[in-house]
Amino acid sequence: MRTTLRFLSLIFLVAGLVLMGADLVTSMDRGGEPYLRSIEQVWAVFDPASIVRFKDWAGHEAPWASNGVQIALTLWGWGVLGGLGVILNFLSGRGPARAR
């Protein structure tokens, strides 16, 4: 279980760093104007139709959470993925003490 959590945390951390680098390069291409991709923009790259279906589902099945879902989708992609990676890394814990 520990190995799986560490592997997932590595994947999330690398994805967060890749998104941070992409945002940095895009910002430099725009003459220094800050550009940050949201979770919604990152999700739309992979499957644009599914994000529309998800928003519709959240609006119909959980209207009380639709504002929270919209807020969560506007968070920075690199921050969310990198943050998940850090949290999973802490949850995996330290390895057993090694005998010397």
PDB file of N, CA and C in Angstrom:
ATOM      1  N   MET A   1       0.824  -1.196   0.000  1.00  0.00           N
ATOM      2  CA  MET A   1       0.000   0.000   0.000  1.00  0.00           C
ATOM      3  C   MET A   1       0.868   1.259   0.000  1.00  0.00           C
ATOM      4  N   ARG A   2       1.934   1.226   0.782  1.00  0.00           N
ATOM      5  CA  ARG A   2       2.818   2.377   0.870  1.00  0.00           C
ATOM      6  C   ARG A   2       3.455   2.675  -0.484  1.00  0.00           C
ATOM      7  N   THR A   3       3.864   1.622  -1.184  1.00  0.00           N
ATOM      8  CA  THR A   3       4.497   1.807  -2.489  1.00  0.00           C
ATOM      9  C   THR A   3       3.513   2.411  -3.486  1.00  0.00           C
ATOM     10  N   THR A   4       2.273   1.973  -3.446  1.00  0.00           N
ATOM     11  CA  THR A   4       1.247   2.504  -4.347  1.00  0.00           C
ATOM     12  C   THR A   4       1.008   3.989  -4.079  1.00  0.00           C
ATOM     13  N   LEU A   5       0.893   4.355  -2.804  1.00  0.00           N
ATOM     14  CA  LEU A   5       0.684   5.765  -2.469  1.00  0.00           C
ATOM     15  C   LEU A   5       1.865   6.618  -2.891  1.00  0.00           C
ATOM     16  N   ARG A   6       3.069   6.113  -2.682  1.00  0.00           N
ATOM     17  CA  ARG A   6       4.255   6.880  -3.094  1.00  0.00           C
ATOM     18  C   ARG A   6       4.313   7.037  -4.609  1.00  0.00           C
ATOM     19  N   PHE A   7       3.946   5.990  -5.337  1.00  0.00           N
ATOM     20  CA  PHE A   7       3.937   6.069  -6.796  1.00  0.00           C
ATOM     21  C   PHE A   7       2.894   7.076  -7.280  1.00  0.00           C
ATOM     22  N   LEU A   8       1.692   7.024  -6.708  1.00  0.00           N
ATOM     23  CA  LEU A   8       0.658   7.995  -7.078  1.00  0.00           C
ATOM     24  C   LEU A   8       1.073   9.417  -6.728  1.00  0.00           C
ATOM     25  N   SER A   9       1.724   9.581  -5.574  1.00  0.00           N
ATOM     26  CA  SER A   9       2.177  10.925  -5.205  1.00  0.00           C
ATOM     27  C   SER A   9       3.228  11.420  -6.181  1.00  0.00           C
ATOM     28  N   LEU A  10       4.096  10.536  -6.646  1.00  0.00           N
ATOM     29  CA  LEU A  10       5.097  10.925  -7.636  1.00  0.00           C
ATOM     30  C   LEU A  10       4.431  11.360  -8.934  1.00  0.00           C
ATOM     31  N   ILE A  11       3.414  10.631  -9.363  1.00  0.00           N
ATOM     32  CA  ILE A  11       2.703  10.985 -10.600  1.00  0.00           C
ATOM     33  C   ILE A  11       2.045  12.362 -10.454  1.00  0.00           C
ATOM     34  N   PHE A  12       1.381  12.597  -9.326  1.00  0.00           N
ATOM     35  CA  PHE A  12       0.725  13.891  -9.124  1.00  0.00           C
ATOM     36  C   PHE A  12       1.742  15.027  -9.023  1.00  0.00           C
ATOM     37  N   LEU A  13       2.853  14.789  -8.338  1.00  0.00           N
ATOM     38  CA  LEU A  13       3.871  15.831  -8.226  1.00  0.00           C
ATOM     39  C   LEU A  13       4.478  16.170  -9.585  1.00  0.00           C
ATOM     40  N   VAL A  14       4.766  15.158 -10.380  1.00  0.00           N
ATOM     41  CA  VAL A  14       5.326  15.407 -11.715  1.00  0.00           C
ATOM     42  C   VAL A  14       4.312  16.143 -12.588  1.00  0.00           C
ATOM     43  N   ALA A  15       3.042  15.728 -12.525  1.00  0.00           N
ATOM     44  CA  ALA A  15       2.009  16.410 -13.308  1.00  0.00           C
ATOM     45  C   ALA A  15       1.872  17.866 -12.881  1.00  0.00           C
ATOM     46  N   GLY A  16       1.951  18.133 -11.575  1.00  0.00           N
ATOM     47  CA  GLY A  16       1.896  19.503 -11.091  1.00  0.00           C
ATOM     48  C   GLY A  16       3.073  20.326 -11.580  1.00  0.00           C
ATOM     49  N   LEU A  17       4.260  19.742 -11.563  1.00  0.00           N
ATOM     50  CA  LEU A  17       5.437  20.457 -12.059  1.00  0.00           C
ATOM     51  C   LEU A  17       5.351  20.708 -13.562  1.00  0.00           C
ATOM     52  N   VAL A  18       4.820  19.746 -14.306  1.00  0.00           N
ATOM     53  CA  VAL A  18       4.656  19.935 -15.755  1.00  0.00           C
ATOM     54  C   VAL A  18       3.683  21.068 -16.027  1.00  0.00           C
ATOM     55  N   LEU A  19       2.569  21.096 -15.304  1.00  0.00           N
ATOM     56  CA  LEU A  19       1.600  22.181 -15.498  1.00  0.00           C
ATOM     57  C   LEU A  19       2.184  23.531 -15.088  1.00  0.00           C
ATOM     58  N   MET A  20       2.982  23.542 -14.013  1.00  0.00           N
ATOM     59  CA  MET A  20       3.615  24.790 -13.599  1.00  0.00           C
ATOM     60  C   MET A  20       4.574  25.283 -14.682  1.00  0.00           C
ATOM     61  N   GLY A  21       5.344  24.373 -15.253  1.00  0.00           N
ATOM     62  CA  GLY A  21       6.260  24.747 -16.328  1.00  0.00           C
ATOM     63  C   GLY A  21       5.518  25.238 -17.556  1.00  0.00           C
ATOM     64  N   ALA A  22       4.410  24.571 -17.896  1.00  0.00           N
ATOM     65  CA  ALA A  22       3.622  25.003 -19.049  1.00  0.00           C
ATOM     66  C   ALA A  22       3.036  26.393 -18.825  1.00  0.00           C
ATOM     67  N   ASP A  23       2.574  26.654 -17.605  1.00  0.00           N
ATOM     68  CA  ASP A  23       2.051  27.986 -17.292  1.00  0.00           C
ATOM     69  C   ASP A  23       3.153  29.034 -17.355  1.00  0.00           C
ATOM     70  N   LEU A  24       4.333  28.682 -16.908  1.00  0.00           N
ATOM     71  CA  LEU A  24       5.460  29.607 -16.947  1.00  0.00           C
ATOM     72  C   LEU A  24       5.846  29.936 -18.389  1.00  0.00           C
ATOM     73  N   VAL A  25       5.926  28.920 -19.229  1.00  0.00           N
ATOM     74  CA  VAL A  25       6.284  29.142 -20.632  1.00  0.00           C
ATOM     75  C   VAL A  25       5.208  29.971 -21.334  1.00  0.00           C
ATOM     76  N   THR A  26       3.938  29.670 -21.067  1.00  0.00           N
ATOM     77  CA  THR A  26       2.851  30.440 -21.666  1.00  0.00           C
ATOM     78  C   THR A  26       2.891  31.888 -21.202  1.00  0.00           C
ATOM     79  N   SER A  27       3.201  32.101 -19.928  1.00  0.00           N
ATOM     80  CA  SER A  27       3.308  33.469 -19.414  1.00  0.00           C
ATOM     81  C   SER A  27       4.445  34.220 -20.095  1.00  0.00           C
ATOM     82  N   MET A  28       5.559  33.548 -20.319  1.00  0.00           N
ATOM     83  CA  MET A  28       6.681  34.208 -21.003  1.00  0.00           C
ATOM     84  C   MET A  28       6.341  34.491 -22.458  1.00  0.00           C
ATOM     85  N   ASP A  29       5.605  33.599 -23.110  1.00  0.00           N
ATOM     86  CA  ASP A  29       5.187  33.832 -24.489  1.00  0.00           C
ATOM     87  C   ASP A  29       4.249  35.021 -24.615  1.00  0.00           C
ATOM     88  N   ARG A  30       3.501  35.296 -23.590  1.00  0.00           N
ATOM     89  CA  ARG A  30       2.554  36.416 -23.601  1.00  0.00           C
ATOM     90  C   ARG A  30       3.191  37.703 -23.099  1.00  0.00           C
ATOM     91  N   GLY A  31       4.499  37.749 -23.058  1.00  0.00           N
ATOM     92  CA  GLY A  31       5.190  38.968 -22.659  1.00  0.00           C
ATOM     93  C   GLY A  31       5.207  39.200 -21.171  1.00  0.00           C
ATOM     94  N   GLY A  32       5.131  38.158 -20.377  1.00  0.00           N
ATOM     95  CA  GLY A  32       5.189  38.297 -18.930  1.00  0.00           C
ATOM     96  C   GLY A  32       3.838  38.396 -18.265  1.00  0.00           C
ATOM     97  N   GLU A  33       2.765  38.383 -19.047  1.00  0.00           N
ATOM     98  CA  GLU A  33       1.418  38.413 -18.468  1.00  0.00           C
ATOM     99  C   GLU A  33       1.132  37.067 -17.811  1.00  0.00           C
ATOM    100  N   PRO A  34       0.780  37.054 -16.524  1.00  0.00           N
ATOM    101  CA  PRO A  34       0.555  35.781 -15.841  1.00  0.00           C
ATOM    102  C   PRO A  34      -0.565  34.965 -16.488  1.00  0.00           C
ATOM    103  N   TYR A  35      -0.314  33.681 -16.640  1.00  0.00           N
ATOM    104  CA  TYR A  35      -1.311  32.779 -17.199  1.00  0.00           C
ATOM    105  C   TYR A  35      -1.306  31.507 -16.367  1.00  0.00           C
ATOM    106  N   LEU A  36      -2.451  31.166 -15.797  1.00  0.00           N
ATOM    107  CA  LEU A  36      -2.580  29.973 -14.963  1.00  0.00           C
ATOM    108  C   LEU A  36      -3.753  29.138 -15.468  1.00  0.00           C
ATOM    109  N   ARG A  37      -3.477  27.901 -15.815  1.00  0.00           N
ATOM    110  CA  ARG A  37      -4.528  26.996 -16.277  1.00  0.00           C
ATOM    111  C   ARG A  37      -5.326  26.482 -15.085  1.00  0.00           C
ATOM    112  N   SER A  38      -6.638  26.473 -15.245  1.00  0.00           N
ATOM    113  CA  SER A  38      -7.502  25.957 -14.193  1.00  0.00           C
ATOM    114  C   SER A  38      -7.710  24.456 -14.397  1.00  0.00           C
ATOM    115  N   ILE A  39      -8.281  23.830 -13.387  1.00  0.00           N
ATOM    116  CA  ILE A  39      -8.601  22.405 -13.490  1.00  0.00           C
ATOM    117  C   ILE A  39      -9.549  22.181 -14.667  1.00  0.00           C
ATOM    118  N   GLU A  40     -10.486  23.095 -14.864  1.00  0.00           N
ATOM    119  CA  GLU A  40     -11.434  22.974 -15.969  1.00  0.00           C
ATOM    120  C   GLU A  40     -10.716  23.000 -17.320  1.00  0.00           C
ATOM    121  N   GLN A  41      -9.736  23.877 -17.487  1.00  0.00           N
ATOM    122  CA  GLN A  41      -8.989  23.939 -18.749  1.00  0.00           C
ATOM    123  C   GLN A  41      -8.161  22.681 -18.973  1.00  0.00           C
ATOM    124  N   VAL A  42      -7.553  22.175 -17.914  1.00  0.00           N
ATOM    125  CA  VAL A  42      -6.754  20.956 -18.043  1.00  0.00           C
ATOM    126  C   VAL A  42      -7.651  19.782 -18.382  1.00  0.00           C
ATOM    127  N   TRP A  43      -8.810  19.680 -17.719  1.00  0.00           N
ATOM    128  CA  TRP A  43      -9.755  18.600 -17.981  1.00  0.00           C
ATOM    129  C   TRP A  43     -10.267  18.686 -19.410  1.00  0.00           C
ATOM    130  N   ALA A  44     -10.528  19.893 -19.891  1.00  0.00           N
ATOM    131  CA  ALA A  44     -11.063  20.082 -21.243  1.00  0.00           C
ATOM    132  C   ALA A  44     -10.070  19.653 -22.317  1.00  0.00           C
ATOM    133  N   VAL A  45      -8.792  19.652 -22.023  1.00  0.00           N
ATOM    134  CA  VAL A  45      -7.798  19.182 -22.990  1.00  0.00           C
ATOM    135  C   VAL A  45      -8.001  17.703 -23.268  1.00  0.00           C
ATOM    136  N   PHE A  46      -8.326  16.933 -22.235  1.00  0.00           N
ATOM    137  CA  PHE A  46      -8.463  15.491 -22.386  1.00  0.00           C
ATOM    138  C   PHE A  46      -9.821  15.073 -22.933  1.00  0.00           C
ATOM    139  N   ASP A  47     -10.908  15.666 -22.428  1.00  0.00           N
ATOM    140  CA  ASP A  47     -12.249  15.306 -22.897  1.00  0.00           C
ATOM    141  C   ASP A  47     -13.202  16.477 -22.640  1.00  0.00           C
ATOM    142  N   PRO A  48     -13.366  17.366 -23.634  1.00  0.00           N
ATOM    143  CA  PRO A  48     -14.199  18.560 -23.409  1.00  0.00           C
ATOM    144  C   PRO A  48     -15.668  18.239 -23.122  1.00  0.00           C
ATOM    145  N   ALA A  49     -16.188  17.171 -23.703  1.00  0.00           N
ATOM    146  CA  ALA A  49     -17.600  16.855 -23.498  1.00  0.00           C
ATOM    147  C   ALA A  49     -17.864  16.355 -22.084  1.00  0.00           C
ATOM    148  N   SER A  50     -16.902  15.680 -21.482  1.00  0.00           N
ATOM    149  CA  SER A  50     -17.148  15.108 -20.160  1.00  0.00           C
ATOM    150  C   SER A  50     -17.267  16.178 -19.084  1.00  0.00           C
ATOM    151  N   ILE A  51     -16.585  17.293 -19.251  1.00  0.00           N
ATOM    152  CA  ILE A  51     -16.692  18.335 -18.233  1.00  0.00           C
ATOM    153  C   ILE A  51     -18.074  18.989 -18.275  1.00  0.00           C
ATOM    154  N   VAL A  52     -18.640  19.094 -19.462  1.00  0.00           N
ATOM    155  CA  VAL A  52     -20.002  19.623 -19.586  1.00  0.00           C
ATOM    156  C   VAL A  52     -20.988  18.656 -18.933  1.00  0.00           C
ATOM    157  N   ARG A  53     -20.803  17.365 -19.191  1.00  0.00           N
ATOM    158  CA  ARG A  53     -21.680  16.360 -18.572  1.00  0.00           C
ATOM    159  C   ARG A  53     -21.531  16.372 -17.047  1.00  0.00           C
ATOM    160  N   PHE A  54     -20.303  16.541 -16.559  1.00  0.00           N
ATOM    161  CA  PHE A  54     -20.076  16.575 -15.116  1.00  0.00           C
ATOM    162  C   PHE A  54     -20.775  17.775 -14.483  1.00  0.00           C
ATOM    163  N   LYS A  55     -20.672  18.937 -15.127  1.00  0.00           N
ATOM    164  CA  LYS A  55     -21.335  20.124 -14.588  1.00  0.00           C
ATOM    165  C   LYS A  55     -22.851  19.956 -14.576  1.00  0.00           C
ATOM    166  N   ASP A  56     -23.387  19.376 -15.656  1.00  0.00           N
ATOM    167  CA  ASP A  56     -24.827  19.122 -15.700  1.00  0.00           C
ATOM    168  C   ASP A  56     -25.245  18.140 -14.618  1.00  0.00           C
ATOM    169  N   TRP A  57     -24.457  17.073 -14.451  1.00  0.00           N
ATOM    170  CA  TRP A  57     -24.761  16.085 -13.424  1.00  0.00           C
ATOM    171  C   TRP A  57     -24.741  16.723 -12.036  1.00  0.00           C
ATOM    172  N   ALA A  58     -23.706  17.522 -11.767  1.00  0.00           N
ATOM    173  CA  ALA A  58     -23.599  18.172 -10.460  1.00  0.00           C
ATOM    174  C   ALA A  58     -24.757  19.142 -10.233  1.00  0.00           C
ATOM    175  N   GLY A  59     -25.192  19.822 -11.292  1.00  0.00           N
ATOM    176  CA  GLY A  59     -26.305  20.752 -11.159  1.00  0.00           C
ATOM    177  C   GLY A  59     -27.634  20.060 -10.895  1.00  0.00           C
ATOM    178  N   HIS A  60     -27.826  18.868 -11.466  1.00  0.00           N
ATOM    179  CA  HIS A  60     -29.092  18.149 -11.291  1.00  0.00           C
ATOM    180  C   HIS A  60     -29.096  17.258 -10.054  1.00  0.00           C
ATOM    181  N   GLU A  61     -28.012  16.538  -9.817  1.00  0.00           N
ATOM    182  CA  GLU A  61     -27.970  15.579  -8.716  1.00  0.00           C
ATOM    183  C   GLU A  61     -27.599  16.213  -7.377  1.00  0.00           C
ATOM    184  N   ALA A  62     -26.794  17.242  -7.406  1.00  0.00           N
ATOM    185  CA  ALA A  62     -26.361  17.891  -6.168  1.00  0.00           C
ATOM    186  C   ALA A  62     -26.356  19.407  -6.356  1.00  0.00           C
ATOM    187  N   PRO A  63     -27.550  20.012  -6.483  1.00  0.00           N
ATOM    188  CA  PRO A  63     -27.587  21.464  -6.708  1.00  0.00           C
ATOM    189  C   PRO A  63     -26.987  22.254  -5.547  1.00  0.00           C
ATOM    190  N   TRP A  64     -26.981  21.685  -4.363  1.00  0.00           N
ATOM    191  CA  TRP A  64     -26.397  22.357  -3.204  1.00  0.00           C
ATOM    192  C   TRP A  64     -24.881  22.462  -3.330  1.00  0.00           C
ATOM    193  N   ALA A  65     -24.274  21.606  -4.168  1.00  0.00           N
ATOM    194  CA  ALA A  65     -22.815  21.604  -4.310  1.00  0.00           C
ATOM    195  C   ALA A  65     -22.350  22.229  -5.615  1.00  0.00           C
ATOM    196  N   SER A  66     -23.270  22.747  -6.428  1.00  0.00           N
ATOM    197  CA  SER A  66     -22.869  23.248  -7.744  1.00  0.00           C
ATOM    198  C   SER A  66     -21.926  24.453  -7.642  1.00  0.00           C
ATOM    199  N   ASN A  67     -22.136  25.315  -6.653  1.00  0.00           N
ATOM    200  CA  ASN A  67     -21.205  26.444  -6.479  1.00  0.00           C
ATOM    201  C   ASN A  67     -19.826  25.960  -6.061  1.00  0.00           C
ATOM    202  N   GLY A  68     -19.776  24.974  -5.181  1.00  0.00           N
ATOM    203  CA  GLY A  68     -18.496  24.414  -4.758  1.00  0.00           C
ATOM    204  C   GLY A  68     -17.764  23.726  -5.895  1.00  0.00           C
ATOM    205  N   VAL A  69     -18.525  23.036  -6.745  1.00  0.00           N
ATOM    206  CA  VAL A  69     -17.918  22.376  -7.908  1.00  0.00           C
ATOM    207  C   VAL A  69     -17.343  23.420  -8.847  1.00  0.00           C
ATOM    208  N   GLN A  70     -18.072  24.493  -9.077  1.00  0.00           N
ATOM    209  CA  GLN A  70     -17.582  25.553  -9.961  1.00  0.00           C
ATOM    210  C   GLN A  70     -16.317  26.202  -9.401  1.00  0.00           C
ATOM    211  N   ILE A  71     -16.285  26.412  -8.105  1.00  0.00           N
ATOM    212  CA  ILE A  71     -15.100  26.987  -7.475  1.00  0.00           C
ATOM    213  C   ILE A  71     -13.922  26.030  -7.595  1.00  0.00           C
ATOM    214  N   ALA A  72     -14.155  24.747  -7.353  1.00  0.00           N
ATOM    215  CA  ALA A  72     -13.079  23.757  -7.444  1.00  0.00           C
ATOM    216  C   ALA A  72     -12.522  23.667  -8.862  1.00  0.00           C
ATOM    217  N   LEU A  73     -13.365  23.832  -9.862  1.00  0.00           N
ATOM    218  CA  LEU A  73     -12.907  23.758 -11.252  1.00  0.00           C
ATOM    219  C   LEU A  73     -12.101  24.980 -11.668  1.00  0.00           C
ATOM    220  N   THR A  74     -12.179  26.063 -10.908  1.00  0.00           N
ATOM    221  CA  THR A  74     -11.409  27.261 -11.258  1.00  0.00           C
ATOM    222  C   THR A  74     -10.063  27.337 -10.526  1.00  0.00           C
ATOM    223  N   LEU A  75      -9.771  26.361  -9.671  1.00  0.00           N
ATOM    224  CA  LEU A  75      -8.488  26.352  -8.976  1.00  0.00           C
ATOM    225  C   LEU A  75      -7.356  26.081  -9.954  1.00  0.00           C
ATOM    226  N   TRP A  76      -6.152  26.516  -9.594  1.00  0.00           N
ATOM    227  CA  TRP A  76      -4.988  26.307 -10.448  1.00  0.00           C
ATOM    228  C   TRP A  76      -4.684  24.826 -10.569  1.00  0.00           C
ATOM    229  N   GLY A  77      -4.459  24.377 -11.794  1.00  0.00           N
ATOM    230  CA  GLY A  77      -4.194  22.965 -12.040  1.00  0.00           C
ATOM    231  C   GLY A  77      -2.930  22.484 -11.361  1.00  0.00           C
ATOM    232  N   TRP A  78      -1.852  23.266 -11.440  1.00  0.00           N
ATOM    233  CA  TRP A  78      -0.590  22.817 -10.855  1.00  0.00           C
ATOM    234  C   TRP A  78      -0.677  22.777  -9.336  1.00  0.00           C
ATOM    235  N   GLY A  79      -1.435  23.681  -8.762  1.00  0.00           N
ATOM    236  CA  GLY A  79      -1.556  23.701  -7.313  1.00  0.00           C
ATOM    237  C   GLY A  79      -2.336  22.519  -6.775  1.00  0.00           C
ATOM    238  N   VAL A  80      -3.403  22.165  -7.477  1.00  0.00           N
ATOM    239  CA  VAL A  80      -4.235  21.049  -7.031  1.00  0.00           C
ATOM    240  C   VAL A  80      -3.485  19.727  -7.189  1.00  0.00           C
ATOM    241  N   LEU A  81      -2.908  19.495  -8.372  1.00  0.00           N
ATOM    242  CA  LEU A  81      -2.206  18.231  -8.593  1.00  0.00           C
ATOM    243  C   LEU A  81      -0.964  18.122  -7.716  1.00  0.00           C
ATOM    244  N   GLY A  82      -0.199  19.187  -7.608  1.00  0.00           N
ATOM    245  CA  GLY A  82       0.970  19.163  -6.740  1.00  0.00           C
ATOM    246  C   GLY A  82       0.596  19.002  -5.278  1.00  0.00           C
ATOM    247  N   GLY A  83      -0.468  19.659  -4.868  1.00  0.00           N
ATOM    248  CA  GLY A  83      -0.945  19.519  -3.490  1.00  0.00           C
ATOM    249  C   GLY A  83      -1.394  18.108  -3.173  1.00  0.00           C
ATOM    250  N   LEU A  84      -2.101  17.482  -4.115  1.00  0.00           N
ATOM    251  CA  LEU A  84      -2.488  16.084  -3.919  1.00  0.00           C
ATOM    252  C   LEU A  84      -1.263  15.190  -3.802  1.00  0.00           C
ATOM    253  N   GLY A  85      -0.250  15.469  -4.608  1.00  0.00           N
ATOM    254  CA  GLY A  85       0.977  14.689  -4.535  1.00  0.00           C
ATOM    255  C   GLY A  85       1.648  14.808  -3.178  1.00  0.00           C
ATOM    256  N   VAL A  86       1.705  16.014  -2.641  1.00  0.00           N
ATOM    257  CA  VAL A  86       2.318  16.222  -1.328  1.00  0.00           C
ATOM    258  C   VAL A  86       1.511  15.520  -0.243  1.00  0.00           C
ATOM    259  N   ILE A  87       0.189  15.641  -0.293  1.00  0.00           N
ATOM    260  CA  ILE A  87      -0.666  14.997   0.713  1.00  0.00           C
ATOM    261  C   ILE A  87      -0.513  13.480   0.660  1.00  0.00           C
ATOM    262  N   LEU A  88      -0.543  12.900  -0.541  1.00  0.00           N
ATOM    263  CA  LEU A  88      -0.373  11.449  -0.653  1.00  0.00           C
ATOM    264  C   LEU A  88       0.998  11.007  -0.163  1.00  0.00           C
ATOM    265  N   ASN A  89       2.013  11.816  -0.403  1.00  0.00           N
ATOM    266  CA  ASN A  89       3.345  11.465   0.067  1.00  0.00           C
ATOM    267  C   ASN A  89       3.390  11.441   1.596  1.00  0.00           C
ATOM    268  N   PHE A  90       2.762  12.404   2.244  1.00  0.00           N
ATOM    269  CA  PHE A  90       2.718  12.394   3.703  1.00  0.00           C
ATOM    270  C   PHE A  90       1.881  11.240   4.235  1.00  0.00           C
ATOM    271  N   LEU A  91       0.787  10.911   3.548  1.00  0.00           N
ATOM    272  CA  LEU A  91      -0.061   9.807   3.991  1.00  0.00           C
ATOM    273  C   LEU A  91       0.638   8.457   3.885  1.00  0.00           C
ATOM    274  N   SER A  92       1.561   8.350   2.946  1.00  0.00           N
ATOM    275  CA  SER A  92       2.254   7.070   2.779  1.00  0.00           C
ATOM    276  C   SER A  92       3.186   6.786   3.948  1.00  0.00           C
ATOM    277  N   GLY A  93       3.582   7.798   4.678  1.00  0.00           N
ATOM    278  CA  GLY A  93       4.406   7.623   5.858  1.00  0.00           C
ATOM    279  C   GLY A  93       5.850   7.330   5.538  1.00  0.00           C
ATOM    280  N   ARG A  94       6.622   7.220   6.593  1.00  0.00           N
ATOM    281  CA  ARG A  94       8.033   6.910   6.434  1.00  0.00           C
ATOM    282  C   ARG A  94       8.213   5.410   6.400  1.00  0.00           C
ATOM    283  N   GLY A  95       9.270   5.000   5.784  1.00  0.00           N
ATOM    284  CA  GLY A  95       9.583   3.580   5.726  1.00  0.00           C
ATOM    285  C   GLY A  95      10.055   3.067   7.077  1.00  0.00           C
ATOM    286  N   PRO A  96      10.168   1.757   7.216  1.00  0.00           N
ATOM    287  CA  PRO A  96      10.646   1.201   8.485  1.00  0.00           C
ATOM    288  C   PRO A  96      12.111   1.575   8.715  1.00  0.00           C
ATOM    289  N   ALA A  97      12.482   1.632   9.987  1.00  0.00           N
ATOM    290  CA  ALA A  97      13.868   1.964  10.321  1.00  0.00           C
ATOM    291  C   ALA A  97      14.790   0.861   9.817  1.00  0.00           C
ATOM    292  N   ARG A  98      15.897   1.257   9.257  1.00  0.00           N
ATOM    293  CA  ARG A  98      16.854   0.286   8.736  1.00  0.00           C
ATOM    294  C   ARG A  98      17.912  -0.033   9.783  1.00  0.00           C
ATOM    295  N   ALA A  99      18.259  -1.288   9.855  1.00  0.00           N
ATOM    296  CA  ALA A  99      19.330  -1.709  10.774  1.00  0.00           C
ATOM    297  C   ALA A  99      20.677  -1.373  10.154  1.00  0.00           C
ATOM    298  N   ARG A 100      21.610  -0.911  10.955  1.00  0.00           N
ATOM    299  CA  ARG A 100      22.926  -0.570  10.435  1.00  0.00           C
ATOM    300  C   ARG A 100      23.933  -1.582  10.839  1.00  0.00           C
TER     301      ARG A 100
END
